[in-house]
């Protein structure tokens, strides 16, 4: 286990990569000039973490499946470019879990190679039963990330949460974790998440929320705002279901008024227009999708009337 690397400069994006980005993000906010042009991504907007006031960029990346890769240099190079794009846009949050196969180790390897641990807000989870097993798993996560401090440790899907929460609090006091939280990915678990939020002091809650899966809007999100709990949104695309719902459909012309250039940005800006949301974490290992996702993280957000129109587009009501 090592300390955080020094502020080593990131390797610049190559012209080849820039051309790929430009082609993938036609109509987006990438700009460049001349034969040596580099990608210039607008900086992501931020929102404060309620428990500390620390600003957190509103778009981060999840690593479920997308970073669970082997040692193939081509696959790893593209994930490195995805992380580089996140950092160049001012992004930070990278979310993982021991459940996600090799994802933690891949992220740790790439951050070490890039000298970029200090640029990342690392979030992962404990996902096992029993105190000793939890301690061992969290130590393993630190080893995989090559760090002595994890920014956010979460209890994955509330597995044995009462046991693990004691350890999380102790390690936060020891400054091994900066923040602690809980997660789930199903609407059926919203009541359980809310029970913990009401009874325990936590910094973050992570749950599923999308333009078509909106149960959290009426219940969990208002409670998070009231309790001062930061919200990370997973499954913003419903595992691809949101895209399948609009297959063959044309993006509404009025979406451009909000800087929305794709269906992906349409879905993300709907989520981010809820002020209780702190950060959304779409997952991708592809450069072109990373560019598109980051494009939703700045500029004007839909107001209440526009949010209603967005829902109407999806439901036909």
Foldseek 3Di string as FASTA:
>chain_A
DAAQFDPDAFDFDFLVVQVVQCVLQPVFPWDFDDPRTGTQAAAFAWDAQLVPGDTAGAAAAEAQVFQQDDDPPVLLVLLLLLVVVCLSNQHAEYEEEVVRHCNLLSQLVSCVVRSNPVSHQYEYEQEDDDQVSSVVRVVVSCVSNVHQAHAEYEHEQCHNVVNVVVVVVVVCVVRNYVFYYYEDEDPVCLVVRLVCLVPDDGREYEYADWLVRHPCVVPVLVSCVVSSHEYEHECHCVVVPVVVLQVPHDDDPCVVVFSQDDVLLLTVLLVVVSVSHRYYHYHHSHPSVSSNSSSNRDGHGDDPVVSVVSSCVRVVD
